[in-house]
Structure formats: C-alpha cells, structure tokens
PDB file of N, CA and C in Angstrom:
ATOM      1  N   MET A   1      10.572   3.006 -21.001  1.00  0.00           N
ATOM      2  CA  MET A   1       9.656   2.084 -20.351  1.00  0.00           C
ATOM      3  C   MET A   1      10.227   1.600 -19.023  1.00  0.00           C
ATOM      4  N   THR A   2      11.532   1.441 -18.962  1.00  0.00           N
ATOM      5  CA  THR A   2      12.157   0.984 -17.721  1.00  0.00           C
ATOM      6  C   THR A   2      11.977   2.012 -16.614  1.00  0.00           C
ATOM      7  N   THR A   3      12.063   3.279 -16.962  1.00  0.00           N
ATOM      8  CA  THR A   3      11.884   4.333 -15.959  1.00  0.00           C
ATOM      9  C   THR A   3      10.472   4.302 -15.388  1.00  0.00           C
ATOM     10  N   VAL A   4       9.486   4.092 -16.251  1.00  0.00           N
ATOM     11  CA  VAL A   4       8.095   4.039 -15.793  1.00  0.00           C
ATOM     12  C   VAL A   4       7.882   2.836 -14.890  1.00  0.00           C
ATOM     13  N   SER A   5       8.404   1.676 -15.289  1.00  0.00           N
ATOM     14  CA  SER A   5       8.218   0.485 -14.460  1.00  0.00           C
ATOM     15  C   SER A   5       8.938   0.629 -13.124  1.00  0.00           C
ATOM     16  N   ASN A   6      10.130   1.225 -13.129  1.00  0.00           N
ATOM     17  CA  ASN A   6      10.836   1.451 -11.861  1.00  0.00           C
ATOM     18  C   ASN A   6      10.057   2.399 -10.960  1.00  0.00           C
ATOM     19  N   LEU A   7       9.482   3.433 -11.548  1.00  0.00           N
ATOM     20  CA  LEU A   7       8.698   4.385 -10.768  1.00  0.00           C
ATOM     21  C   LEU A   7       7.453   3.722 -10.180  1.00  0.00           C
ATOM     22  N   LEU A   8       6.766   2.910 -10.978  1.00  0.00           N
ATOM     23  CA  LEU A   8       5.583   2.217 -10.474  1.00  0.00           C
ATOM     24  C   LEU A   8       5.947   1.231  -9.371  1.00  0.00           C
ATOM     25  N   LEU A   9       7.054   0.523  -9.533  1.00  0.00           N
ATOM     26  CA  LEU A   9       7.497  -0.401  -8.486  1.00  0.00           C
ATOM     27  C   LEU A   9       7.832   0.349  -7.204  1.00  0.00           C
ATOM     28  N   PHE A  10       8.513   1.468  -7.326  1.00  0.00           N
ATOM     29  CA  PHE A  10       8.871   2.257  -6.148  1.00  0.00           C
ATOM     30  C   PHE A  10       7.628   2.792  -5.438  1.00  0.00           C
ATOM     31  N   ILE A  11       6.687   3.335  -6.208  1.00  0.00           N
ATOM     32  CA  ILE A  11       5.468   3.876  -5.606  1.00  0.00           C
ATOM     33  C   ILE A  11       4.660   2.758  -4.948  1.00  0.00           C
ATOM     34  N   GLY A  12       4.573   1.607  -5.611  1.00  0.00           N
ATOM     35  CA  GLY A  12       3.835   0.480  -5.036  1.00  0.00           C
ATOM     36  C   GLY A  12       4.450  -0.002  -3.738  1.00  0.00           C
ATOM     37  N   LEU A  13       5.771  -0.114  -3.700  1.00  0.00           N
ATOM     38  CA  LEU A  13       6.438  -0.528  -2.461  1.00  0.00           C
ATOM     39  C   LEU A  13       6.270   0.516  -1.365  1.00  0.00           C
ATOM     40  N   ALA A  14       6.335   1.786  -1.733  1.00  0.00           N
ATOM     41  CA  ALA A  14       6.139   2.847  -0.741  1.00  0.00           C
ATOM     42  C   ALA A  14       4.721   2.809  -0.180  1.00  0.00           C
ATOM     43  N   MET A  15       3.731   2.581  -1.033  1.00  0.00           N
ATOM     44  CA  MET A  15       2.355   2.507  -0.552  1.00  0.00           C
ATOM     45  C   MET A  15       2.157   1.330   0.388  1.00  0.00           C
ATOM     46  N   LEU A  16       2.746   0.183   0.058  1.00  0.00           N
ATOM     47  CA  LEU A  16       2.624  -0.976   0.941  1.00  0.00           C
ATOM     48  C   LEU A  16       3.323  -0.730   2.270  1.00  0.00           C
ATOM     49  N   ALA A  17       4.466  -0.056   2.233  1.00  0.00           N
ATOM     50  CA  ALA A  17       5.180   0.246   3.477  1.00  0.00           C
ATOM     51  C   ALA A  17       4.388   1.232   4.338  1.00  0.00           C
ATOM     52  N   ILE A  18       3.790   2.229   3.710  1.00  0.00           N
ATOM     53  CA  ILE A  18       2.983   3.200   4.456  1.00  0.00           C
ATOM     54  C   ILE A  18       1.760   2.514   5.066  1.00  0.00           C
ATOM     55  N   ALA A  19       1.095   1.668   4.288  1.00  0.00           N
ATOM     56  CA  ALA A  19      -0.083   0.968   4.807  1.00  0.00           C
ATOM     57  C   ALA A  19       0.292   0.049   5.965  1.00  0.00           C
ATOM     58  N   ALA A  20       1.413  -0.650   5.846  1.00  0.00           N
ATOM     59  CA  ALA A  20       1.848  -1.530   6.936  1.00  0.00           C
ATOM     60  C   ALA A  20       2.212  -0.718   8.174  1.00  0.00           C
ATOM     61  N   GLY A  21       2.858   0.421   7.977  1.00  0.00           N
ATOM     62  CA  GLY A  21       3.200   1.277   9.114  1.00  0.00           C
ATOM     63  C   GLY A  21       1.974   1.839   9.807  1.00  0.00           C
ATOM     64  N   LEU A  22       1.003   2.292   9.029  1.00  0.00           N
ATOM     65  CA  LEU A  22      -0.237   2.797   9.623  1.00  0.00           C
ATOM     66  C   LEU A  22      -1.006   1.692  10.329  1.00  0.00           C
ATOM     67  N   ASN A  23      -0.984   0.503   9.744  1.00  0.00           N
ATOM     68  CA  ASN A  23      -1.663  -0.627  10.360  1.00  0.00           C
ATOM     69  C   ASN A  23      -1.014  -0.971  11.695  1.00  0.00           C
ATOM     70  N   ALA A  24       0.307  -0.961  11.745  1.00  0.00           N
ATOM     71  CA  ALA A  24       1.010  -1.237  13.003  1.00  0.00           C
ATOM     72  C   ALA A  24       0.777  -0.115  14.007  1.00  0.00           C
ATOM     73  N   TYR A  25       0.794   1.125  13.552  1.00  0.00           N
ATOM     74  CA  TYR A  25       0.587   2.268  14.449  1.00  0.00           C
ATOM     75  C   TYR A  25      -0.808   2.252  15.060  1.00  0.00           C
ATOM     76  N   SER A  26      -1.796   1.862  14.275  1.00  0.00           N
ATOM     77  CA  SER A  26      -3.169   1.885  14.784  1.00  0.00           C
ATOM     78  C   SER A  26      -3.362   0.884  15.911  1.00  0.00           C
ATOM     79  N   GLY A  27      -2.560  -0.168  15.932  1.00  0.00           N
ATOM     80  CA  GLY A  27      -2.660  -1.134  17.016  1.00  0.00           C
ATOM     81  C   GLY A  27      -2.082  -0.617  18.313  1.00  0.00           C
ATOM     82  N   TYR A  28      -1.157   0.329  18.242  1.00  0.00           N
ATOM     83  CA  TYR A  28      -0.496   0.850  19.436  1.00  0.00           C
ATOM     84  C   TYR A  28      -0.981   2.231  19.847  1.00  0.00           C
ATOM     85  N   ALA A  29      -1.786   2.864  19.007  1.00  0.00           N
ATOM     86  CA  ALA A  29      -2.229   4.231  19.306  1.00  0.00           C
ATOM     87  C   ALA A  29      -3.159   4.221  20.515  1.00  0.00           C
ATOM     88  N   PRO A  30      -2.811   4.985  21.551  1.00  0.00           N
ATOM     89  CA  PRO A  30      -3.707   5.025  22.711  1.00  0.00           C
ATOM     90  C   PRO A  30      -4.984   5.787  22.364  1.00  0.00           C
ATOM     91  N   ALA A  31      -6.069   5.295  22.865  1.00  0.00           N
ATOM     92  CA  ALA A  31      -7.347   5.942  22.584  1.00  0.00           C
ATOM     93  C   ALA A  31      -8.168   6.002  23.868  1.00  0.00           C
ATOM     94  N   ASP A  32      -8.879   7.074  24.009  1.00  0.00           N
ATOM     95  CA  ASP A  32      -9.803   7.209  25.127  1.00  0.00           C
ATOM     96  C   ASP A  32     -10.984   6.274  24.864  1.00  0.00           C
ATOM     97  N   PRO A  33     -11.328   5.408  25.805  1.00  0.00           N
ATOM     98  CA  PRO A  33     -12.416   4.458  25.548  1.00  0.00           C
ATOM     99  C   PRO A  33     -13.760   5.134  25.278  1.00  0.00           C
ATOM    100  N   ASN A  34     -13.916   6.368  25.729  1.00  0.00           N
ATOM    101  CA  ASN A  34     -15.194   7.056  25.527  1.00  0.00           C
ATOM    102  C   ASN A  34     -15.242   7.853  24.227  1.00  0.00           C
ATOM    103  N   SER A  35     -14.125   7.958  23.542  1.00  0.00           N
ATOM    104  CA  SER A  35     -14.106   8.738  22.306  1.00  0.00           C
ATOM    105  C   SER A  35     -14.289   7.823  21.103  1.00  0.00           C
ATOM    106  N   THR A  36     -14.532   8.429  19.968  1.00  0.00           N
ATOM    107  CA  THR A  36     -14.630   7.640  18.746  1.00  0.00           C
ATOM    108  C   THR A  36     -13.236   7.157  18.375  1.00  0.00           C
ATOM    109  N   PRO A  37     -13.129   5.954  17.860  1.00  0.00           N
ATOM    110  CA  PRO A  37     -11.800   5.428  17.539  1.00  0.00           C
ATOM    111  C   PRO A  37     -11.131   6.217  16.413  1.00  0.00           C
ATOM    112  N   LEU A  38      -9.813   6.300  16.504  1.00  0.00           N
ATOM    113  CA  LEU A  38      -9.041   7.007  15.487  1.00  0.00           C
ATOM    114  C   LEU A  38      -9.143   6.305  14.146  1.00  0.00           C
ATOM    115  N   PHE A  39      -9.146   4.984  14.181  1.00  0.00           N
ATOM    116  CA  PHE A  39      -9.243   4.176  12.975  1.00  0.00           C
ATOM    117  C   PHE A  39     -10.453   3.256  13.090  1.00  0.00           C
ATOM    118  N   SER A  40     -11.021   2.908  11.973  1.00  0.00           N
ATOM    119  CA  SER A  40     -12.160   1.998  11.953  1.00  0.00           C
ATOM    120  C   SER A  40     -11.736   0.625  12.465  1.00  0.00           C
ATOM    121  N   PRO A  41     -12.606  -0.071  13.197  1.00  0.00           N
ATOM    122  CA  PRO A  41     -12.231  -1.398  13.687  1.00  0.00           C
ATOM    123  C   PRO A  41     -12.189  -2.452  12.584  1.00  0.00           C
ATOM    124  N   LEU A  42     -12.735  -2.162  11.431  1.00  0.00           N
ATOM    125  CA  LEU A  42     -12.721  -3.123  10.332  1.00  0.00           C
ATOM    126  C   LEU A  42     -11.474  -2.896   9.488  1.00  0.00           C
ATOM    127  N   TRP A  43     -10.552  -3.858   9.496  1.00  0.00           N
ATOM    128  CA  TRP A  43      -9.264  -3.657   8.827  1.00  0.00           C
ATOM    129  C   TRP A  43      -9.431  -3.451   7.333  1.00  0.00           C
ATOM    130  N   TRP A  44     -10.386  -4.138   6.722  1.00  0.00           N
ATOM    131  CA  TRP A  44     -10.493  -4.050   5.269  1.00  0.00           C
ATOM    132  C   TRP A  44     -11.017  -2.700   4.822  1.00  0.00           C
ATOM    133  N   THR A  45     -11.779  -2.007   5.662  1.00  0.00           N
ATOM    134  CA  THR A  45     -12.223  -0.671   5.266  1.00  0.00           C
ATOM    135  C   THR A  45     -11.099   0.338   5.419  1.00  0.00           C
ATOM    136  N   ARG A  46     -10.160   0.055   6.328  1.00  0.00           N
ATOM    137  CA  ARG A  46      -9.038   0.971   6.543  1.00  0.00           C
ATOM    138  C   ARG A  46      -7.952   0.766   5.508  1.00  0.00           C
ATOM    139  N   TRP A  47      -7.496  -0.462   5.385  1.00  0.00           N
ATOM    140  CA  TRP A  47      -6.235  -0.705   4.694  1.00  0.00           C
ATOM    141  C   TRP A  47      -6.364  -1.379   3.342  1.00  0.00           C
ATOM    142  N   PHE A  48      -7.515  -1.976   3.022  1.00  0.00           N
ATOM    143  CA  PHE A  48      -7.624  -2.669   1.743  1.00  0.00           C
ATOM    144  C   PHE A  48      -7.379  -1.758   0.547  1.00  0.00           C
ATOM    145  N   PRO A  49      -7.912  -0.532   0.512  1.00  0.00           N
ATOM    146  CA  PRO A  49      -7.620   0.319  -0.655  1.00  0.00           C
ATOM    147  C   PRO A  49      -6.130   0.611  -0.828  1.00  0.00           C
ATOM    148  N   LEU A  50      -5.419   0.839   0.278  1.00  0.00           N
ATOM    149  CA  LEU A  50      -3.978   1.095   0.163  1.00  0.00           C
ATOM    150  C   LEU A  50      -3.222  -0.153  -0.269  1.00  0.00           C
ATOM    151  N   TYR A  51      -3.544  -1.294   0.353  1.00  0.00           N
ATOM    152  CA  TYR A  51      -2.867  -2.531  -0.024  1.00  0.00           C
ATOM    153  C   TYR A  51      -3.178  -2.913  -1.468  1.00  0.00           C
ATOM    154  N   ALA A  52      -4.445  -2.788  -1.862  1.00  0.00           N
ATOM    155  CA  ALA A  52      -4.839  -3.178  -3.217  1.00  0.00           C
ATOM    156  C   ALA A  52      -4.208  -2.277  -4.270  1.00  0.00           C
ATOM    157  N   SER A  53      -4.201  -0.975  -4.036  1.00  0.00           N
ATOM    158  CA  SER A  53      -3.607  -0.086  -5.035  1.00  0.00           C
ATOM    159  C   SER A  53      -2.090  -0.240  -5.076  1.00  0.00           C
ATOM    160  N   GLY A  54      -1.459  -0.469  -3.930  1.00  0.00           N
ATOM    161  CA  GLY A  54      -0.017  -0.723  -3.922  1.00  0.00           C
ATOM    162  C   GLY A  54       0.330  -2.003  -4.665  1.00  0.00           C
ATOM    163  N   ALA A  55      -0.462  -3.050  -4.430  1.00  0.00           N
ATOM    164  CA  ALA A  55      -0.223  -4.318  -5.124  1.00  0.00           C
ATOM    165  C   ALA A  55      -0.485  -4.180  -6.625  1.00  0.00           C
ATOM    166  N   ALA A  56      -1.510  -3.415  -6.992  1.00  0.00           N
ATOM    167  CA  ALA A  56      -1.796  -3.207  -8.414  1.00  0.00           C
ATOM    168  C   ALA A  56      -0.652  -2.469  -9.099  1.00  0.00           C
ATOM    169  N   LEU A  57      -0.087  -1.463  -8.437  1.00  0.00           N
ATOM    170  CA  LEU A  57       1.051  -0.755  -9.021  1.00  0.00           C
ATOM    171  C   LEU A  57       2.263  -1.671  -9.156  1.00  0.00           C
ATOM    172  N   LEU A  58       2.470  -2.548  -8.173  1.00  0.00           N
ATOM    173  CA  LEU A  58       3.571  -3.509  -8.280  1.00  0.00           C
ATOM    174  C   LEU A  58       3.368  -4.451  -9.465  1.00  0.00           C
ATOM    175  N   VAL A  59       2.153  -4.931  -9.639  1.00  0.00           N
ATOM    176  CA  VAL A  59       1.870  -5.848 -10.751  1.00  0.00           C
ATOM    177  C   VAL A  59       2.069  -5.145 -12.088  1.00  0.00           C
ATOM    178  N   VAL A  60       1.558  -3.931 -12.225  1.00  0.00           N
ATOM    179  CA  VAL A  60       1.723  -3.192 -13.482  1.00  0.00           C
ATOM    180  C   VAL A  60       3.200  -2.919 -13.748  1.00  0.00           C
ATOM    181  N   GLY A  61       3.945  -2.538 -12.714  1.00  0.00           N
ATOM    182  CA  GLY A  61       5.378  -2.303 -12.881  1.00  0.00           C
ATOM    183  C   GLY A  61       6.122  -3.553 -13.305  1.00  0.00           C
ATOM    184  N   LEU A  62       5.766  -4.695 -12.703  1.00  0.00           N
ATOM    185  CA  LEU A  62       6.419  -5.953 -13.085  1.00  0.00           C
ATOM    186  C   LEU A  62       6.054  -6.369 -14.501  1.00  0.00           C
ATOM    187  N   VAL A  63       4.801  -6.185 -14.886  1.00  0.00           N
ATOM    188  CA  VAL A  63       4.389  -6.530 -16.254  1.00  0.00           C
ATOM    189  C   VAL A  63       5.120  -5.653 -17.262  1.00  0.00           C
ATOM    190  N   LEU A  64       5.228  -4.364 -16.981  1.00  0.00           N
ATOM    191  CA  LEU A  64       5.958  -3.479 -17.893  1.00  0.00           C
ATOM    192  C   LEU A  64       7.431  -3.861 -17.973  1.00  0.00           C
ATOM    193  N   ARG A  65       8.010  -4.226 -16.849  1.00  0.00           N
ATOM    194  CA  ARG A  65       9.422  -4.615 -16.846  1.00  0.00           C
ATOM    195  C   ARG A  65       9.628  -5.905 -17.637  1.00  0.00           C
ATOM    196  N   LEU A  66       8.737  -6.887 -17.444  1.00  0.00           N
ATOM    197  CA  LEU A  66       8.859  -8.144 -18.183  1.00  0.00           C
ATOM    198  C   LEU A  66       8.594  -7.942 -19.670  1.00  0.00           C
ATOM    199  N   ALA A  67       7.637  -7.085 -20.011  1.00  0.00           N
ATOM    200  CA  ALA A  67       7.351  -6.811 -21.418  1.00  0.00           C
ATOM    201  C   ALA A  67       8.528  -6.107 -22.081  1.00  0.00           C
ATOM    202  N   ASP A  68       9.215  -5.269 -21.339  1.00  0.00           N
ATOM    203  CA  ASP A  68      10.376  -4.565 -21.886  1.00  0.00           C
ATOM    204  C   ASP A  68      11.543  -5.523 -22.103  1.00  0.00           C
ATOM    205  N   LYS A  69      11.678  -6.518 -21.228  1.00  0.00           N
ATOM    206  CA  LYS A  69      12.781  -7.474 -21.372  1.00  0.00           C
ATOM    207  C   LYS A  69      12.556  -8.440 -22.525  1.00  0.00           C
ATOM    208  N   THR A  70      11.300  -8.753 -22.846  1.00  0.00           N
ATOM    209  CA  THR A  70      11.029  -9.705 -23.918  1.00  0.00           C
ATOM    210  C   THR A  70      11.168  -9.073 -25.297  1.00  0.00           C
ATOM    211  N   ARG A  71      11.253  -7.757 -25.359  1.00  0.00           N
ATOM    212  CA  ARG A  71      11.419  -7.100 -26.660  1.00  0.00           C
ATOM    213  C   ARG A  71      12.818  -7.196 -27.156  1.00  0.00           C
TER     214      ARG A  71
END
C-alpha cells in the first residue's frame, strides 16, 4: 500500500508541476496577433483538469498513506 500511495503522490506532484510550467510558459509564449492563440484565454478551461486531477491524486495518495499508518 505504501508503494501505491508513494506512486500516486509522485504522479500528483508531477502533474501539478507540469500544469504550473505550462501555465507559466503560456504567459511568455510569443504569438502572432493575427493568428489563433496557442492556448485558450480562459485559464480554467486550460489548466483546471490538470490541477484538479493532480490534486485528486495527491488526496488519494495521502488518504492511502494515512490509512496505512493507522493499521
């Protein structure tokens, strides 16, 4: 169980780091004003699924870790 919780925590942290990196990159990415934007202007349509799934994996990993410690 500890291996699974560690894996979920690692994947969740990696997803949050990737989402934060993409979010930062999208602010600096040069774009032609006449072209369609590389990323949607609505942040929640871009990054909410990544942030939410990363946070959900962190929560599940923490719950599994705490449940394993209470046994």
